[in-house]
């Protein structure tokens, strides 16, 4: 299983890209149209899937 850091929408997509450039798996809510604007509880549920 690969762990992925999921950044909340308060973080920019540029931060996620910089993290990925350093070799880490990282996803940003702002890069995912279906996640943007969702309540924190829903984001947390996606993060633990």
C-alpha atoms as a PDB file:
ATOM      1  CA  UNK A   1       0.000   0.000   0.000  1.00  0.00           C
ATOM      2  CA  UNK A   2       1.337   3.420  -0.965  1.00  0.00           C
ATOM      3  CA  UNK A   3       0.671   6.291   1.390  1.00  0.00           C
ATOM      4  CA  UNK A   4      -0.362   9.596  -0.156  1.00  0.00           C
ATOM      5  CA  UNK A   5      -0.307  12.945   1.578  1.00  0.00           C
ATOM      6  CA  UNK A   6      -3.607  14.749   0.945  1.00  0.00           C
ATOM      7  CA  UNK A   7      -3.368  18.510   1.344  1.00  0.00           C
ATOM      8  CA  UNK A   8      -6.494  20.437   2.279  1.00  0.00           C
ATOM      9  CA  UNK A   9      -7.727  23.228   0.006  1.00  0.00           C
ATOM     10  CA  UNK A  10      -5.974  25.806   2.182  1.00  0.00           C
ATOM     11  CA  UNK A  11      -2.734  24.648   0.551  1.00  0.00           C
ATOM     12  CA  UNK A  12      -1.966  25.575  -3.026  1.00  0.00           C
ATOM     13  CA  UNK A  13      -1.429  23.092  -5.805  1.00  0.00           C
ATOM     14  CA  UNK A  14       2.099  24.503  -6.128  1.00  0.00           C
ATOM     15  CA  UNK A  15       2.946  23.126  -2.684  1.00  0.00           C
ATOM     16  CA  UNK A  16       1.696  19.689  -3.717  1.00  0.00           C
ATOM     17  CA  UNK A  17       3.817  19.824  -6.875  1.00  0.00           C
ATOM     18  CA  UNK A  18       6.896  20.796  -4.855  1.00  0.00           C
ATOM     19  CA  UNK A  19       6.315  17.866  -2.498  1.00  0.00           C
ATOM     20  CA  UNK A  20       5.969  15.486  -5.466  1.00  0.00           C
ATOM     21  CA  UNK A  21       9.184  16.865  -6.997  1.00  0.00           C
ATOM     22  CA  UNK A  22      10.932  15.754  -3.812  1.00  0.00           C
ATOM     23  CA  UNK A  23       9.771  12.194  -4.377  1.00  0.00           C
ATOM     24  CA  UNK A  24       6.695  11.980  -2.169  1.00  0.00           C
ATOM     25  CA  UNK A  25       3.181  10.973  -3.184  1.00  0.00           C
ATOM     26  CA  UNK A  26       1.022  14.021  -2.642  1.00  0.00           C
ATOM     27  CA  UNK A  27      -2.411  15.118  -3.762  1.00  0.00           C
ATOM     28  CA  UNK A  28      -4.067  18.475  -3.204  1.00  0.00           C
ATOM     29  CA  UNK A  29      -7.795  19.042  -2.818  1.00  0.00           C
ATOM     30  CA  UNK A  30      -7.419  22.047  -5.159  1.00  0.00           C
ATOM     31  CA  UNK A  31      -6.265  19.703  -7.934  1.00  0.00           C
ATOM     32  CA  UNK A  32      -9.377  17.525  -7.658  1.00  0.00           C
ATOM     33  CA  UNK A  33     -12.622  19.111  -8.890  1.00  0.00           C
ATOM     34  CA  UNK A  34     -14.758  16.547  -7.063  1.00  0.00           C
ATOM     35  CA  UNK A  35     -13.085  17.353  -3.712  1.00  0.00           C
ATOM     36  CA  UNK A  36     -12.863  21.132  -3.857  1.00  0.00           C
ATOM     37  CA  UNK A  37     -15.361  22.837  -1.551  1.00  0.00           C
ATOM     38  CA  UNK A  38     -16.379  19.688   0.327  1.00  0.00           C
ATOM     39  CA  UNK A  39     -16.720  19.781   4.117  1.00  0.00           C
ATOM     40  CA  UNK A  40     -13.707  18.640   6.154  1.00  0.00           C
ATOM     41  CA  UNK A  41     -15.513  15.471   7.244  1.00  0.00           C
ATOM     42  CA  UNK A  42     -15.869  14.352   3.615  1.00  0.00           C
ATOM     43  CA  UNK A  43     -12.243  15.189   2.834  1.00  0.00           C
ATOM     44  CA  UNK A  44     -11.151  13.170   5.863  1.00  0.00           C
ATOM     45  CA  UNK A  45     -13.250  10.218   4.688  1.00  0.00           C
ATOM     46  CA  UNK A  46     -11.555  10.322   1.276  1.00  0.00           C
ATOM     47  CA  UNK A  47      -8.133  10.579   2.947  1.00  0.00           C
ATOM     48  CA  UNK A  48      -8.560   7.311   4.846  1.00  0.00           C
ATOM     49  CA  UNK A  49      -9.913   5.290   1.910  1.00  0.00           C
END
